Amino acid sequence: MTAAAARVVAVCADDVGLVDGVAATVARLAAAGRLNAASCVTTAPGWRPAAALLLSANAPLALGLHFNLSEGAPLTRELRAVWPAFPGLARLLAGAALNALPLRALASEFRAQADAFADALGRAPEFVDGHQHVHALPGVRDAVLEAIASWPVVPAVRNTAQVCGPAAALKRRVIQASGGRTLERALVARGIAHNAVLLGAYDFATAAYRALFQRWLAAAPREGGLVFCHPGTATASDPIGAARQREADYLGSAAYLADLAAAGVTIGPAWAKRSSSAG
């Protein structure tokens, strides 16, 4: 591998705290140097035990808030008065498109979820993103950006404007079109650090996860690429449990390290202040 071929890609595990088995898996993979970031759901009953597992990982791991509006129930009374349980993604997309989301209550919910992160981990999130990418939705993104502007240290924000790689073409287009491009412009205008390219979108059904990951690595830019993943353990109650197990098995394998080396990729940070996305 030549110096010119070297690339740096962030690997971020999502959904920590959402279901059992994710936090322990992420802690193990982080300790082995297989990923460098994890995004946390603070609304679930298992959040505090999950946070304790992350703190015990004894590995350099950037921790962020996975802002959740689509699974489980709100933390705040204000939002529970509108939504006793979070609506599904389809309802959120429709509400955002119609400018019909309860934005004041959503802003309070974001603050509560960020506070729950800090209470359990003893520090503010280093970055912010959204479960099912809800942080980029019209209205929601403004609430998020206004909230973090007042923090002592403004966190990085996951950019969803450039979703690259193989598979899930419709899913990738929906992620980009449901607010990603507008979010990217706002991040650039405000000087907020973000990734240039997002990789890792697929349907969770394919058994050929290694082949997908190889192609995501091939599609990554020299810097600024972020692969989001969902490693965990298979449980009957988790609709993507089998996919979590496949991802965990691959990320913990010698094959994963071989694929990184073959692609000339080193795991490292993807967030930077930039004027435009790198291709």
C-alpha atoms as a PDB file:
ATOM      1  CA  MET A   1       0.000   0.000   0.000  1.00  0.00           C
ATOM      2  CA  THR A   2       1.381   3.404  -0.959  1.00  0.00           C
ATOM      3  CA  ALA A   3       0.903   6.578   1.018  1.00  0.00           C
ATOM      4  CA  ALA A   4      -1.256   7.974  -1.805  1.00  0.00           C
ATOM      5  CA  ALA A   5      -3.656   5.033  -1.468  1.00  0.00           C
ATOM      6  CA  ALA A   6      -4.151   5.421   2.282  1.00  0.00           C
ATOM      7  CA  ARG A   7      -7.630   6.408   3.445  1.00  0.00           C
ATOM      8  CA  VAL A   8      -9.180   7.113   6.829  1.00  0.00           C
ATOM      9  CA  VAL A   9     -12.736   5.945   7.519  1.00  0.00           C
ATOM     10  CA  ALA A  10     -14.771   6.176  10.722  1.00  0.00           C
ATOM     11  CA  VAL A  11     -16.755   3.097  11.771  1.00  0.00           C
ATOM     12  CA  CYS A  12     -19.681   3.968  14.033  1.00  0.00           C
ATOM     13  CA  ALA A  13     -21.941   1.454  15.775  1.00  0.00           C
ATOM     14  CA  ASP A  14     -25.505   2.725  16.137  1.00  0.00           C
ATOM     15  CA  ASP A  15     -28.316   1.796  18.547  1.00  0.00           C
ATOM     16  CA  VAL A  16     -26.325   1.420  21.777  1.00  0.00           C
ATOM     17  CA  GLY A  17     -28.923   1.093  24.513  1.00  0.00           C
ATOM     18  CA  LEU A  18     -31.833   0.422  22.173  1.00  0.00           C
ATOM     19  CA  VAL A  19     -31.858  -3.361  22.612  1.00  0.00           C
ATOM     20  CA  ASP A  20     -29.971  -5.850  24.778  1.00  0.00           C
ATOM     21  CA  GLY A  21     -26.677  -7.143  23.486  1.00  0.00           C
ATOM     22  CA  VAL A  22     -25.618  -4.082  21.498  1.00  0.00           C
ATOM     23  CA  ALA A  23     -23.607  -2.298  24.201  1.00  0.00           C
ATOM     24  CA  ALA A  24     -21.633  -5.387  25.228  1.00  0.00           C
ATOM     25  CA  THR A  25     -20.851  -6.148  21.589  1.00  0.00           C
ATOM     26  CA  VAL A  26     -19.762  -2.576  20.888  1.00  0.00           C
ATOM     27  CA  ALA A  27     -17.565  -2.489  23.992  1.00  0.00           C
ATOM     28  CA  ARG A  28     -15.862  -5.703  22.905  1.00  0.00           C
ATOM     29  CA  LEU A  29     -15.306  -4.484  19.336  1.00  0.00           C
ATOM     30  CA  ALA A  30     -14.016  -1.111  20.545  1.00  0.00           C
ATOM     31  CA  ALA A  31     -11.531  -2.763  22.889  1.00  0.00           C
ATOM     32  CA  ALA A  32     -10.264  -4.771  19.906  1.00  0.00           C
ATOM     33  CA  GLY A  33      -9.888  -1.623  17.773  1.00  0.00           C
ATOM     34  CA  ARG A  34     -12.574  -2.637  15.298  1.00  0.00           C
ATOM     35  CA  LEU A  35     -14.573   0.618  15.471  1.00  0.00           C
ATOM     36  CA  ASN A  36     -14.012   4.104  16.790  1.00  0.00           C
ATOM     37  CA  ALA A  37     -17.446   5.565  17.504  1.00  0.00           C
ATOM     38  CA  ALA A  38     -20.789   4.569  18.976  1.00  0.00           C
ATOM     39  CA  SER A  39     -24.135   6.337  18.890  1.00  0.00           C
ATOM     40  CA  CYS A  40     -26.430   5.992  21.897  1.00  0.00           C
ATOM     41  CA  VAL A  41     -30.206   5.774  22.340  1.00  0.00           C
ATOM     42  CA  THR A  42     -31.021   7.254  25.747  1.00  0.00           C
ATOM     43  CA  THR A  43     -34.793   6.714  25.705  1.00  0.00           C
ATOM     44  CA  ALA A  44     -34.742   2.933  26.181  1.00  0.00           C
ATOM     45  CA  PRO A  45     -35.002   1.181  29.573  1.00  0.00           C
ATOM     46  CA  GLY A  46     -31.596  -0.415  29.021  1.00  0.00           C
ATOM     47  CA  TRP A  47     -29.727   2.846  28.511  1.00  0.00           C
ATOM     48  CA  ARG A  48     -27.997   3.132  31.896  1.00  0.00           C
ATOM     49  CA  PRO A  49     -26.659  -0.457  31.931  1.00  0.00           C
ATOM     50  CA  ALA A  50     -25.520   0.105  28.350  1.00  0.00           C
ATOM     51  CA  ALA A  51     -23.691   3.281  29.363  1.00  0.00           C
ATOM     52  CA  ALA A  52     -21.902   1.397  32.136  1.00  0.00           C
ATOM     53  CA  LEU A  53     -20.706  -1.184  29.620  1.00  0.00           C
ATOM     54  CA  LEU A  54     -19.369   1.550  27.341  1.00  0.00           C
ATOM     55  CA  LEU A  55     -17.476   3.136  30.210  1.00  0.00           C
ATOM     56  CA  SER A  56     -15.898  -0.224  31.002  1.00  0.00           C
ATOM     57  CA  ALA A  57     -14.608  -0.714  27.447  1.00  0.00           C
ATOM     58  CA  ASN A  58     -11.227   0.901  28.239  1.00  0.00           C
ATOM     59  CA  ALA A  59     -10.812   1.902  24.610  1.00  0.00           C
ATOM     60  CA  PRO A  60     -10.748   5.201  22.702  1.00  0.00           C
ATOM     61  CA  LEU A  61     -14.339   5.522  21.524  1.00  0.00           C
ATOM     62  CA  ALA A  62     -16.157   8.661  20.420  1.00  0.00           C
ATOM     63  CA  LEU A  63     -19.664   8.611  21.889  1.00  0.00           C
ATOM     64  CA  GLY A  64     -22.628  10.412  20.387  1.00  0.00           C
ATOM     65  CA  LEU A  65     -26.369  10.872  20.797  1.00  0.00           C
ATOM     66  CA  HIS A  66     -28.601   8.810  18.504  1.00  0.00           C
ATOM     67  CA  PHE A  67     -31.610  11.145  18.725  1.00  0.00           C
ATOM     68  CA  ASN A  68     -34.679   8.927  18.767  1.00  0.00           C
ATOM     69  CA  LEU A  69     -38.169   9.886  17.619  1.00  0.00           C
ATOM     70  CA  SER A  70     -39.346   6.643  16.033  1.00  0.00           C
ATOM     71  CA  GLU A  71     -39.036   3.723  18.464  1.00  0.00           C
ATOM     72  CA  GLY A  72     -40.216   3.403  22.061  1.00  0.00           C
ATOM     73  CA  ALA A  73     -41.580   6.356  24.049  1.00  0.00           C
ATOM     74  CA  PRO A  74     -40.507   9.960  24.730  1.00  0.00           C
ATOM     75  CA  LEU A  75     -38.682  11.002  27.872  1.00  0.00           C
ATOM     76  CA  THR A  76     -40.557  14.268  28.299  1.00  0.00           C
ATOM     77  CA  ARG A  77     -44.117  14.814  29.484  1.00  0.00           C
ATOM     78  CA  GLU A  78     -44.437  17.553  26.883  1.00  0.00           C
ATOM     79  CA  LEU A  79     -43.906  15.189  23.954  1.00  0.00           C
ATOM     80  CA  ARG A  80     -45.779  12.296  25.608  1.00  0.00           C
ATOM     81  CA  ALA A  81     -48.840  14.544  25.688  1.00  0.00           C
ATOM     82  CA  VAL A  82     -48.691  14.564  21.890  1.00  0.00           C
ATOM     83  CA  TRP A  83     -47.154  11.143  21.271  1.00  0.00           C
ATOM     84  CA  PRO A  84     -47.601   8.617  24.117  1.00  0.00           C
ATOM     85  CA  ALA A  85     -45.355   6.452  21.971  1.00  0.00           C
ATOM     86  CA  PHE A  86     -43.089   7.577  19.165  1.00  0.00           C
ATOM     87  CA  PRO A  87     -44.681   7.322  15.712  1.00  0.00           C
ATOM     88  CA  GLY A  88     -43.051   5.144  13.095  1.00  0.00           C
ATOM     89  CA  LEU A  89     -40.696   6.582  10.517  1.00  0.00           C
ATOM     90  CA  ALA A  90     -43.401   6.837   7.840  1.00  0.00           C
ATOM     91  CA  ARG A  91     -45.504   9.121  10.054  1.00  0.00           C
ATOM     92  CA  LEU A  92     -42.479  11.217  10.910  1.00  0.00           C
ATOM     93  CA  LEU A  93     -41.592  11.652   7.248  1.00  0.00           C
ATOM     94  CA  ALA A  94     -45.158  12.649   6.427  1.00  0.00           C
ATOM     95  CA  GLY A  95     -45.391  15.065   9.361  1.00  0.00           C
ATOM     96  CA  ALA A  96     -42.103  16.706   8.452  1.00  0.00           C
ATOM     97  CA  ALA A  97     -43.156  17.100   4.818  1.00  0.00           C
ATOM     98  CA  LEU A  98     -46.448  18.714   5.909  1.00  0.00           C
ATOM     99  CA  ASN A  99     -44.783  20.947   8.531  1.00  0.00           C
ATOM    100  CA  ALA A 100     -46.972  19.239  11.110  1.00  0.00           C
ATOM    101  CA  LEU A 101     -44.450  18.063  13.713  1.00  0.00           C
ATOM    102  CA  PRO A 102     -44.699  19.332  17.334  1.00  0.00           C
ATOM    103  CA  LEU A 103     -41.448  21.252  17.084  1.00  0.00           C
ATOM    104  CA  ARG A 104     -41.430  22.905  20.527  1.00  0.00           C
ATOM    105  CA  ALA A 105     -41.996  19.537  22.189  1.00  0.00           C
ATOM    106  CA  LEU A 106     -39.340  17.941  19.958  1.00  0.00           C
ATOM    107  CA  ALA A 107     -36.820  20.568  21.056  1.00  0.00           C
ATOM    108  CA  SER A 108     -37.555  19.749  24.714  1.00  0.00           C
ATOM    109  CA  GLU A 109     -37.190  16.045  23.938  1.00  0.00           C
ATOM    110  CA  PHE A 110     -33.809  16.586  22.319  1.00  0.00           C
ATOM    111  CA  ARG A 111     -32.576  18.405  25.406  1.00  0.00           C
ATOM    112  CA  ALA A 112     -33.866  15.615  27.646  1.00  0.00           C
ATOM    113  CA  GLN A 113     -32.200  12.900  25.590  1.00  0.00           C
ATOM    114  CA  ALA A 114     -28.906  14.820  25.600  1.00  0.00           C
ATOM    115  CA  ASP A 115     -29.198  15.309  29.381  1.00  0.00           C
ATOM    116  CA  ALA A 116     -29.793  11.562  29.837  1.00  0.00           C
ATOM    117  CA  PHE A 117     -26.599  10.937  27.845  1.00  0.00           C
ATOM    118  CA  ALA A 118     -24.567  13.297  30.041  1.00  0.00           C
ATOM    119  CA  ASP A 119     -26.081  11.979  33.279  1.00  0.00           C
ATOM    120  CA  ALA A 120     -25.057   8.408  32.465  1.00  0.00           C
ATOM    121  CA  LEU A 121     -21.678   9.040  30.834  1.00  0.00           C
ATOM    122  CA  GLY A 122     -20.472  12.130  32.654  1.00  0.00           C
ATOM    123  CA  ARG A 123     -19.910  14.141  29.495  1.00  0.00           C
ATOM    124  CA  ALA A 124     -21.783  15.706  26.619  1.00  0.00           C
ATOM    125  CA  PRO A 125     -22.104  13.908  23.273  1.00  0.00           C
ATOM    126  CA  GLU A 126     -19.115  14.301  20.974  1.00  0.00           C
ATOM    127  CA  PHE A 127     -21.428  14.048  17.973  1.00  0.00           C
ATOM    128  CA  VAL A 128     -25.139  13.937  17.214  1.00  0.00           C
ATOM    129  CA  ASP A 129     -27.091  11.893  14.705  1.00  0.00           C
ATOM    130  CA  GLY A 130     -30.552  10.349  14.559  1.00  0.00           C
ATOM    131  CA  HIS A 131     -32.132   6.935  14.847  1.00  0.00           C
ATOM    132  CA  GLN A 132     -33.330   6.282  11.292  1.00  0.00           C
ATOM    133  CA  HIS A 133     -31.677   9.624  10.420  1.00  0.00           C
ATOM    134  CA  VAL A 134     -34.501  11.701  11.945  1.00  0.00           C
ATOM    135  CA  HIS A 135     -32.103  14.500  12.915  1.00  0.00           C
ATOM    136  CA  ALA A 136     -32.063  15.669   9.285  1.00  0.00           C
ATOM    137  CA  LEU A 137     -35.839  16.019   8.896  1.00  0.00           C
ATOM    138  CA  PRO A 138     -37.326  19.471   8.240  1.00  0.00           C
ATOM    139  CA  GLY A 139     -38.012  21.175  11.547  1.00  0.00           C
ATOM    140  CA  VAL A 140     -36.156  18.548  13.546  1.00  0.00           C
ATOM    141  CA  ARG A 141     -32.774  19.611  12.190  1.00  0.00           C
ATOM    142  CA  ASP A 142     -33.449  23.232  13.159  1.00  0.00           C
ATOM    143  CA  ALA A 143     -34.303  22.193  16.728  1.00  0.00           C
ATOM    144  CA  VAL A 144     -31.116  20.121  16.924  1.00  0.00           C
ATOM    145  CA  LEU A 145     -28.857  22.808  15.484  1.00  0.00           C
ATOM    146  CA  GLU A 146     -30.316  25.532  17.690  1.00  0.00           C
ATOM    147  CA  ALA A 147     -29.872  23.382  20.795  1.00  0.00           C
ATOM    148  CA  ILE A 148     -26.254  22.424  20.182  1.00  0.00           C
ATOM    149  CA  ALA A 149     -25.307  26.002  19.308  1.00  0.00           C
ATOM    150  CA  SER A 150     -25.614  26.829  23.025  1.00  0.00           C
ATOM    151  CA  TRP A 151     -23.407  23.966  24.244  1.00  0.00           C
ATOM    152  CA  PRO A 152     -19.928  24.875  25.555  1.00  0.00           C
ATOM    153  CA  VAL A 153     -18.443  22.650  22.831  1.00  0.00           C
ATOM    154  CA  VAL A 154     -20.523  22.229  19.690  1.00  0.00           C
ATOM    155  CA  PRO A 155     -20.556  18.538  18.720  1.00  0.00           C
ATOM    156  CA  ALA A 156     -20.077  17.125  15.245  1.00  0.00           C
ATOM    157  CA  VAL A 157     -23.245  16.184  13.365  1.00  0.00           C
ATOM    158  CA  ARG A 158     -23.765  13.238  11.031  1.00  0.00           C
ATOM    159  CA  ASN A 159     -24.179  14.455   7.463  1.00  0.00           C
ATOM    160  CA  THR A 160     -26.701  12.435   5.406  1.00  0.00           C
ATOM    161  CA  ALA A 161     -26.440  14.388   2.142  1.00  0.00           C
ATOM    162  CA  GLN A 162     -24.062  11.981   0.433  1.00  0.00           C
ATOM    163  CA  VAL A 163     -25.053   8.349   1.051  1.00  0.00           C
ATOM    164  CA  CYS A 164     -22.751   6.246  -1.105  1.00  0.00           C
ATOM    165  CA  GLY A 165     -21.976   2.611  -1.800  1.00  0.00           C
ATOM    166  CA  PRO A 166     -23.784  -0.474  -3.040  1.00  0.00           C
ATOM    167  CA  ALA A 167     -27.308  -1.731  -2.368  1.00  0.00           C
ATOM    168  CA  ALA A 168     -30.468  -0.052  -1.036  1.00  0.00           C
ATOM    169  CA  ALA A 169     -30.649   2.565  -3.786  1.00  0.00           C
ATOM    170  CA  LEU A 170     -34.153   3.679  -2.803  1.00  0.00           C
ATOM    171  CA  LYS A 171     -33.237   3.808   0.892  1.00  0.00           C
ATOM    172  CA  ARG A 172     -30.169   5.895   0.123  1.00  0.00           C
ATOM    173  CA  ARG A 173     -32.208   8.333  -1.973  1.00  0.00           C
ATOM    174  CA  VAL A 174     -34.829   8.704   0.771  1.00  0.00           C
ATOM    175  CA  ILE A 175     -32.138   9.424   3.389  1.00  0.00           C
ATOM    176  CA  GLN A 176     -30.593  12.099   1.183  1.00  0.00           C
ATOM    177  CA  ALA A 177     -33.871  13.664   0.051  1.00  0.00           C
ATOM    178  CA  SER A 178     -35.592  13.787   3.447  1.00  0.00           C
ATOM    179  CA  GLY A 179     -33.411  16.607   4.665  1.00  0.00           C
ATOM    180  CA  GLY A 180     -29.827  15.536   4.194  1.00  0.00           C
ATOM    181  CA  ARG A 181     -28.878  18.120   1.586  1.00  0.00           C
ATOM    182  CA  THR A 182     -30.399  21.006   3.542  1.00  0.00           C
ATOM    183  CA  LEU A 183     -28.704  19.769   6.706  1.00  0.00           C
ATOM    184  CA  GLU A 184     -25.334  19.706   4.970  1.00  0.00           C
ATOM    185  CA  ARG A 185     -25.733  23.310   3.819  1.00  0.00           C
ATOM    186  CA  ALA A 186     -26.592  24.336   7.378  1.00  0.00           C
ATOM    187  CA  LEU A 187     -23.569  22.503   8.799  1.00  0.00           C
ATOM    188  CA  VAL A 188     -21.259  24.229   6.330  1.00  0.00           C
ATOM    189  CA  ALA A 189     -22.822  27.641   6.987  1.00  0.00           C
ATOM    190  CA  ARG A 190     -22.530  27.232  10.763  1.00  0.00           C
ATOM    191  CA  GLY A 191     -19.013  25.788  10.684  1.00  0.00           C
ATOM    192  CA  ILE A 192     -20.084  22.544  12.362  1.00  0.00           C
ATOM    193  CA  ALA A 193     -17.843  19.510  11.916  1.00  0.00           C
ATOM    194  CA  HIS A 194     -19.388  16.645   9.947  1.00  0.00           C
ATOM    195  CA  ASN A 195     -18.548  13.669   7.782  1.00  0.00           C
ATOM    196  CA  ALA A 196     -18.319  14.159   4.027  1.00  0.00           C
ATOM    197  CA  VAL A 197     -19.810  10.818   2.984  1.00  0.00           C
ATOM    198  CA  LEU A 198     -22.070   8.285   4.705  1.00  0.00           C
ATOM    199  CA  LEU A 199     -21.755   4.572   3.986  1.00  0.00           C
ATOM    200  CA  GLY A 200     -23.459   1.502   5.415  1.00  0.00           C
ATOM    201  CA  ALA A 201     -27.072   1.681   4.219  1.00  0.00           C
ATOM    202  CA  TYR A 202     -28.633  -1.660   3.298  1.00  0.00           C
ATOM    203  CA  ASP A 203     -31.825  -3.650   3.873  1.00  0.00           C
ATOM    204  CA  PHE A 204     -30.571  -5.803   6.807  1.00  0.00           C
ATOM    205  CA  ALA A 205     -31.729  -8.904   4.895  1.00  0.00           C
ATOM    206  CA  THR A 206     -28.636  -9.897   2.940  1.00  0.00           C
ATOM    207  CA  ALA A 207     -26.368 -12.538   4.404  1.00  0.00           C
ATOM    208  CA  ALA A 208     -23.409 -11.238   2.364  1.00  0.00           C
ATOM    209  CA  TYR A 209     -22.430  -8.465   4.758  1.00  0.00           C
ATOM    210  CA  ARG A 210     -18.720  -8.840   4.088  1.00  0.00           C
ATOM    211  CA  ALA A 211     -19.212  -8.261   0.365  1.00  0.00           C
ATOM    212  CA  LEU A 212     -21.208  -5.107   1.094  1.00  0.00           C
ATOM    213  CA  PHE A 213     -18.580  -3.811   3.503  1.00  0.00           C
ATOM    214  CA  GLN A 214     -15.822  -4.376   0.956  1.00  0.00           C
ATOM    215  CA  ARG A 215     -17.743  -2.216  -1.509  1.00  0.00           C
ATOM    216  CA  TRP A 216     -18.357   0.485   1.090  1.00  0.00           C
ATOM    217  CA  LEU A 217     -14.631   0.606   1.734  1.00  0.00           C
ATOM    218  CA  ALA A 218     -13.991   0.875  -1.997  1.00  0.00           C
ATOM    219  CA  ALA A 219     -16.446   3.788  -2.245  1.00  0.00           C
ATOM    220  CA  ALA A 220     -14.975   5.739   0.674  1.00  0.00           C
ATOM    221  CA  PRO A 221     -13.148   9.008  -0.054  1.00  0.00           C
ATOM    222  CA  ARG A 222      -9.597   9.627   1.111  1.00  0.00           C
ATOM    223  CA  GLU A 223     -10.978  11.209   4.276  1.00  0.00           C
ATOM    224  CA  GLY A 224     -14.378  12.091   5.693  1.00  0.00           C
ATOM    225  CA  GLY A 225     -16.059   8.728   5.101  1.00  0.00           C
ATOM    226  CA  LEU A 226     -18.234   7.304   7.880  1.00  0.00           C
ATOM    227  CA  VAL A 227     -19.607   3.754   7.877  1.00  0.00           C
ATOM    228  CA  PHE A 228     -22.580   3.281  10.212  1.00  0.00           C
ATOM    229  CA  CYS A 229     -23.269  -0.249  11.408  1.00  0.00           C
ATOM    230  CA  HIS A 230     -25.494  -2.104  13.880  1.00  0.00           C
ATOM    231  CA  PRO A 231     -23.544  -4.931  15.566  1.00  0.00           C
ATOM    232  CA  GLY A 232     -25.155  -6.840  18.399  1.00  0.00           C
ATOM    233  CA  THR A 233     -26.474 -10.264  19.308  1.00  0.00           C
ATOM    234  CA  ALA A 234     -29.419 -12.035  17.741  1.00  0.00           C
ATOM    235  CA  THR A 235     -32.551 -11.894  19.887  1.00  0.00           C
ATOM    236  CA  ALA A 236     -36.047 -13.041  18.951  1.00  0.00           C
ATOM    237  CA  SER A 237     -37.634  -9.708  19.904  1.00  0.00           C
ATOM    238  CA  ASP A 238     -35.318  -7.625  17.706  1.00  0.00           C
ATOM    239  CA  PRO A 239     -36.486  -7.390  14.080  1.00  0.00           C
ATOM    240  CA  ILE A 240     -32.909  -6.951  12.852  1.00  0.00           C
ATOM    241  CA  GLY A 241     -31.313  -9.275  15.408  1.00  0.00           C
ATOM    242  CA  ALA A 242     -29.957 -11.671  12.791  1.00  0.00           C
ATOM    243  CA  ALA A 243     -28.354  -8.797  10.910  1.00  0.00           C
ATOM    244  CA  ARG A 244     -26.802  -7.479  14.129  1.00  0.00           C
ATOM    245  CA  GLN A 245     -25.199 -10.862  14.741  1.00  0.00           C
ATOM    246  CA  ARG A 246     -23.849 -11.089  11.180  1.00  0.00           C
ATOM    247  CA  GLU A 247     -22.356  -7.620  11.480  1.00  0.00           C
ATOM    248  CA  ALA A 248     -20.782  -8.388  14.859  1.00  0.00           C
ATOM    249  CA  ASP A 249     -19.287 -11.626  13.569  1.00  0.00           C
ATOM    250  CA  TYR A 250     -17.727  -9.879  10.579  1.00  0.00           C
ATOM    251  CA  LEU A 251     -16.409  -6.872  12.509  1.00  0.00           C
ATOM    252  CA  GLY A 252     -14.792  -9.191  15.021  1.00  0.00           C
ATOM    253  CA  SER A 253     -13.161 -11.385  12.376  1.00  0.00           C
ATOM    254  CA  ALA A 254      -9.730 -11.587  10.810  1.00  0.00           C
ATOM    255  CA  ALA A 255     -11.466 -11.121   7.451  1.00  0.00           C
ATOM    256  CA  TYR A 256     -12.495  -7.589   8.459  1.00  0.00           C
ATOM    257  CA  LEU A 257      -8.915  -6.612   9.246  1.00  0.00           C
ATOM    258  CA  ALA A 258      -7.785  -8.134   5.953  1.00  0.00           C
ATOM    259  CA  ASP A 259     -10.428  -6.145   4.071  1.00  0.00           C
ATOM    260  CA  LEU A 260      -9.336  -2.891   5.719  1.00  0.00           C
ATOM    261  CA  ALA A 261      -5.724  -3.568   4.770  1.00  0.00           C
ATOM    262  CA  ALA A 262      -6.611  -4.558   1.203  1.00  0.00           C
ATOM    263  CA  ALA A 263      -8.596  -1.346   0.763  1.00  0.00           C
ATOM    264  CA  GLY A 264      -5.829   0.813   2.240  1.00  0.00           C
ATOM    265  CA  VAL A 265      -8.160   1.971   5.019  1.00  0.00           C
ATOM    266  CA  THR A 266      -7.306   2.971   8.570  1.00  0.00           C
ATOM    267  CA  ILE A 267     -10.055   3.502  11.134  1.00  0.00           C
ATOM    268  CA  GLY A 268     -10.069   7.118  12.287  1.00  0.00           C
ATOM    269  CA  PRO A 269     -12.181  10.258  12.632  1.00  0.00           C
ATOM    270  CA  ALA A 270     -14.456  11.425   9.815  1.00  0.00           C
ATOM    271  CA  TRP A 271     -15.663  14.717  11.280  1.00  0.00           C
ATOM    272  CA  ALA A 272     -14.200  18.036  10.180  1.00  0.00           C
ATOM    273  CA  LYS A 273     -15.362  21.515   9.355  1.00  0.00           C
ATOM    274  CA  ARG A 274     -15.575  21.605   5.570  1.00  0.00           C
ATOM    275  CA  SER A 275     -16.901  23.854   2.855  1.00  0.00           C
ATOM    276  CA  SER A 276     -18.346  20.988   0.809  1.00  0.00           C
ATOM    277  CA  SER A 277     -18.471  17.218   0.739  1.00  0.00           C
ATOM    278  CA  ALA A 278     -15.446  15.316  -0.482  1.00  0.00           C
ATOM    279  CA  GLY A 279     -16.148  12.795  -3.209  1.00  0.00           C
END
